[in-house]
Amino acid sequence: MANRPLPALRTLAPMPELRAGAAPVVRPDSSAQATPLVQASTLLGTRQSVDIEYKGQRYRLQTTKAGKLILTK
């Protein structure tokens, strides 16, 4: 097996839309529409969990003590 040099790494230009507090940038794409954003608090309200039905299956969306979201079947 011959040793080949690794390809050069490309340097990425800074992405201002990823700065903390920056508004998200949505660029229109002719092949796909932007995914709508729904706040988890809209689904959960003051509850710790909600059941969601999708294609006849029931899922549970819940928050953890650490503030993470878990979706289980």
N, C-alpha and C. Protein backbone atom coordinates (compact mmCIF):
# COMPACT_ATOMS: atom_id res chain seq x y z
N MET A 1 0.84 -1.18 0.00
CA MET A 1 0.00 0.00 0.00
C MET A 1 0.88 1.24 0.00
N ALA A 2 0.73 2.07 -1.01
CA ALA A 2 1.57 3.26 -1.14
C ALA A 2 1.05 4.38 -0.25
N ASN A 3 1.99 5.11 0.34
CA ASN A 3 1.60 6.27 1.14
C ASN A 3 1.39 7.46 0.23
N ARG A 4 0.18 7.97 0.24
CA ARG A 4 -0.13 9.15 -0.56
C ARG A 4 -0.29 10.34 0.36
N PRO A 5 0.11 11.53 -0.09
CA PRO A 5 -0.08 12.72 0.76
C PRO A 5 -1.57 13.01 0.94
N LEU A 6 -1.91 13.52 2.10
CA LEU A 6 -3.29 13.90 2.37
C LEU A 6 -3.66 15.13 1.56
N PRO A 7 -4.92 15.23 1.14
CA PRO A 7 -5.31 16.43 0.40
C PRO A 7 -5.25 17.65 1.30
N ALA A 8 -4.99 18.79 0.70
CA ALA A 8 -4.91 20.04 1.46
C ALA A 8 -6.28 20.38 2.03
N LEU A 9 -6.28 20.89 3.25
CA LEU A 9 -7.53 21.32 3.87
C LEU A 9 -7.89 22.72 3.39
N ARG A 10 -9.17 22.91 3.17
CA ARG A 10 -9.64 24.23 2.76
C ARG A 10 -9.99 25.04 3.99
N THR A 11 -9.69 26.31 3.97
CA THR A 11 -10.06 27.20 5.06
C THR A 11 -11.42 27.79 4.74
N LEU A 12 -12.33 27.70 5.69
CA LEU A 12 -13.67 28.24 5.49
C LEU A 12 -13.70 29.70 5.89
N ALA A 13 -14.41 30.47 5.11
CA ALA A 13 -14.57 31.89 5.43
C ALA A 13 -15.47 32.02 6.64
N PRO A 14 -15.28 33.04 7.47
CA PRO A 14 -16.14 33.24 8.63
C PRO A 14 -17.59 33.38 8.19
N MET A 15 -18.49 32.83 8.98
CA MET A 15 -19.91 32.88 8.66
C MET A 15 -20.59 33.80 9.67
N PRO A 16 -20.85 35.06 9.31
CA PRO A 16 -21.42 36.00 10.27
C PRO A 16 -22.77 35.55 10.82
N GLU A 17 -23.52 34.74 10.07
CA GLU A 17 -24.83 34.30 10.56
C GLU A 17 -24.72 33.33 11.73
N LEU A 18 -23.52 32.81 12.02
CA LEU A 18 -23.34 31.89 13.12
C LEU A 18 -22.84 32.58 14.39
N ARG A 19 -22.65 33.90 14.34
CA ARG A 19 -22.24 34.63 15.54
C ARG A 19 -23.32 34.53 16.60
N ALA A 20 -22.93 34.56 17.85
CA ALA A 20 -23.90 34.53 18.94
C ALA A 20 -24.83 35.73 18.84
N GLY A 21 -26.11 35.46 18.90
CA GLY A 21 -27.10 36.53 18.87
C GLY A 21 -27.46 37.02 17.47
N ALA A 22 -26.79 36.51 16.45
CA ALA A 22 -27.10 36.95 15.09
C ALA A 22 -28.40 36.31 14.62
N ALA A 23 -29.17 37.04 13.87
CA ALA A 23 -30.42 36.50 13.32
C ALA A 23 -30.09 35.45 12.27
N PRO A 24 -30.84 34.36 12.22
CA PRO A 24 -30.57 33.34 11.22
C PRO A 24 -30.78 33.88 9.80
N VAL A 25 -29.95 33.44 8.91
CA VAL A 25 -30.05 33.86 7.52
C VAL A 25 -30.68 32.73 6.73
N VAL A 26 -31.78 33.00 6.07
CA VAL A 26 -32.44 32.00 5.24
C VAL A 26 -32.26 32.43 3.79
N ARG A 27 -31.57 31.61 3.04
CA ARG A 27 -31.35 31.92 1.63
C ARG A 27 -32.32 31.10 0.80
N PRO A 28 -33.08 31.76 -0.07
CA PRO A 28 -34.03 31.01 -0.89
C PRO A 28 -33.29 30.05 -1.81
N ASP A 29 -33.86 28.87 -1.95
CA ASP A 29 -33.29 27.84 -2.81
C ASP A 29 -34.42 27.37 -3.73
N SER A 30 -34.19 27.38 -5.00
CA SER A 30 -35.26 27.02 -5.93
C SER A 30 -35.66 25.55 -5.81
N SER A 31 -34.77 24.71 -5.27
CA SER A 31 -35.08 23.28 -5.20
C SER A 31 -35.75 22.87 -3.89
N ALA A 32 -35.72 23.72 -2.89
CA ALA A 32 -36.32 23.35 -1.60
C ALA A 32 -36.82 24.59 -0.87
N GLN A 33 -37.85 24.42 -0.07
CA GLN A 33 -38.35 25.52 0.74
C GLN A 33 -37.72 25.43 2.11
N ALA A 34 -37.64 26.58 2.78
CA ALA A 34 -37.08 26.61 4.13
C ALA A 34 -38.00 25.84 5.08
N THR A 35 -37.41 25.13 6.02
CA THR A 35 -38.18 24.38 7.01
C THR A 35 -38.78 25.37 8.00
N PRO A 36 -40.09 25.28 8.27
CA PRO A 36 -40.69 26.20 9.23
C PRO A 36 -40.14 25.96 10.64
N LEU A 37 -40.08 27.02 11.43
CA LEU A 37 -39.57 26.94 12.79
C LEU A 37 -40.73 27.02 13.77
N VAL A 38 -40.83 26.05 14.66
CA VAL A 38 -41.86 26.03 15.70
C VAL A 38 -41.13 26.02 17.04
N GLN A 39 -41.44 26.96 17.91
CA GLN A 39 -40.82 26.99 19.23
C GLN A 39 -41.31 25.81 20.05
N ALA A 40 -40.41 25.14 20.76
CA ALA A 40 -40.79 24.01 21.61
C ALA A 40 -41.80 24.46 22.67
N SER A 41 -41.66 25.69 23.13
CA SER A 41 -42.60 26.20 24.15
C SER A 41 -44.02 26.30 23.60
N THR A 42 -44.16 26.44 22.28
CA THR A 42 -45.49 26.44 21.68
C THR A 42 -46.14 25.08 21.82
N LEU A 43 -45.36 24.03 21.67
CA LEU A 43 -45.88 22.67 21.82
C LEU A 43 -46.06 22.28 23.28
N LEU A 44 -45.08 22.64 24.11
CA LEU A 44 -45.08 22.18 25.49
C LEU A 44 -45.87 23.08 26.44
N GLY A 45 -45.87 24.38 26.17
CA GLY A 45 -46.49 25.30 27.12
C GLY A 45 -45.76 25.21 28.45
N THR A 46 -46.49 24.97 29.53
CA THR A 46 -45.87 24.84 30.86
C THR A 46 -45.67 23.38 31.24
N ARG A 47 -46.03 22.46 30.35
CA ARG A 47 -45.92 21.03 30.63
C ARG A 47 -44.49 20.53 30.41
N GLN A 48 -44.17 19.42 31.04
CA GLN A 48 -42.87 18.77 30.85
C GLN A 48 -42.87 17.87 29.62
N SER A 49 -44.05 17.40 29.19
CA SER A 49 -44.11 16.50 28.04
C SER A 49 -45.45 16.64 27.33
N VAL A 50 -45.45 16.29 26.06
CA VAL A 50 -46.67 16.23 25.25
C VAL A 50 -46.58 14.99 24.37
N ASP A 51 -47.74 14.43 24.05
CA ASP A 51 -47.79 13.31 23.12
C ASP A 51 -48.11 13.87 21.74
N ILE A 52 -47.44 13.33 20.73
CA ILE A 52 -47.61 13.75 19.35
C ILE A 52 -47.97 12.52 18.53
N GLU A 53 -49.03 12.63 17.73
CA GLU A 53 -49.39 11.51 16.86
C GLU A 53 -48.90 11.81 15.46
N TYR A 54 -48.24 10.81 14.87
CA TYR A 54 -47.71 10.94 13.52
C TYR A 54 -47.89 9.62 12.80
N LYS A 55 -48.64 9.64 11.72
CA LYS A 55 -48.92 8.44 10.92
C LYS A 55 -49.43 7.28 11.77
N GLY A 56 -50.34 7.60 12.68
CA GLY A 56 -50.94 6.57 13.51
C GLY A 56 -50.09 6.10 14.67
N GLN A 57 -48.90 6.64 14.81
CA GLN A 57 -48.00 6.27 15.91
C GLN A 57 -47.95 7.40 16.93
N ARG A 58 -47.82 7.05 18.19
CA ARG A 58 -47.76 8.05 19.26
C ARG A 58 -46.32 8.21 19.72
N TYR A 59 -45.88 9.47 19.78
CA TYR A 59 -44.55 9.83 20.24
C TYR A 59 -44.69 10.76 21.42
N ARG A 60 -43.68 10.79 22.28
CA ARG A 60 -43.68 11.70 23.41
C ARG A 60 -42.48 12.63 23.29
N LEU A 61 -42.76 13.94 23.35
CA LEU A 61 -41.72 14.97 23.37
C LEU A 61 -41.64 15.46 24.80
N GLN A 62 -40.46 15.36 25.40
CA GLN A 62 -40.33 15.77 26.80
C GLN A 62 -39.04 16.53 27.03
N THR A 63 -39.03 17.33 28.08
CA THR A 63 -37.84 18.08 28.46
C THR A 63 -37.16 17.36 29.62
N THR A 64 -35.85 17.49 29.68
CA THR A 64 -35.09 16.92 30.79
C THR A 64 -34.81 18.01 31.80
N LYS A 65 -34.28 17.61 32.94
CA LYS A 65 -33.90 18.59 33.97
C LYS A 65 -32.80 19.51 33.46
N ALA A 66 -32.01 19.00 32.52
CA ALA A 66 -30.91 19.79 31.96
C ALA A 66 -31.39 20.71 30.82
N GLY A 67 -32.70 20.69 30.52
CA GLY A 67 -33.22 21.57 29.48
C GLY A 67 -33.10 21.03 28.07
N LYS A 68 -32.82 19.75 27.93
CA LYS A 68 -32.73 19.12 26.60
C LYS A 68 -34.10 18.57 26.22
N LEU A 69 -34.27 18.28 24.94
CA LEU A 69 -35.51 17.68 24.44
C LEU A 69 -35.25 16.22 24.08
N ILE A 70 -36.24 15.37 24.38
CA ILE A 70 -36.17 13.96 24.02
C ILE A 70 -37.47 13.60 23.30
N LEU A 71 -37.34 12.95 22.16
CA LEU A 71 -38.51 12.45 21.44
C LEU A 71 -38.42 10.93 21.45
N THR A 72 -39.44 10.27 22.05
CA THR A 72 -39.44 8.81 22.13
C THR A 72 -40.71 8.26 21.52
N LYS A 73 -40.63 7.03 21.07
CA LYS A 73 -41.80 6.36 20.47
C LYS A 73 -42.50 5.56 21.52
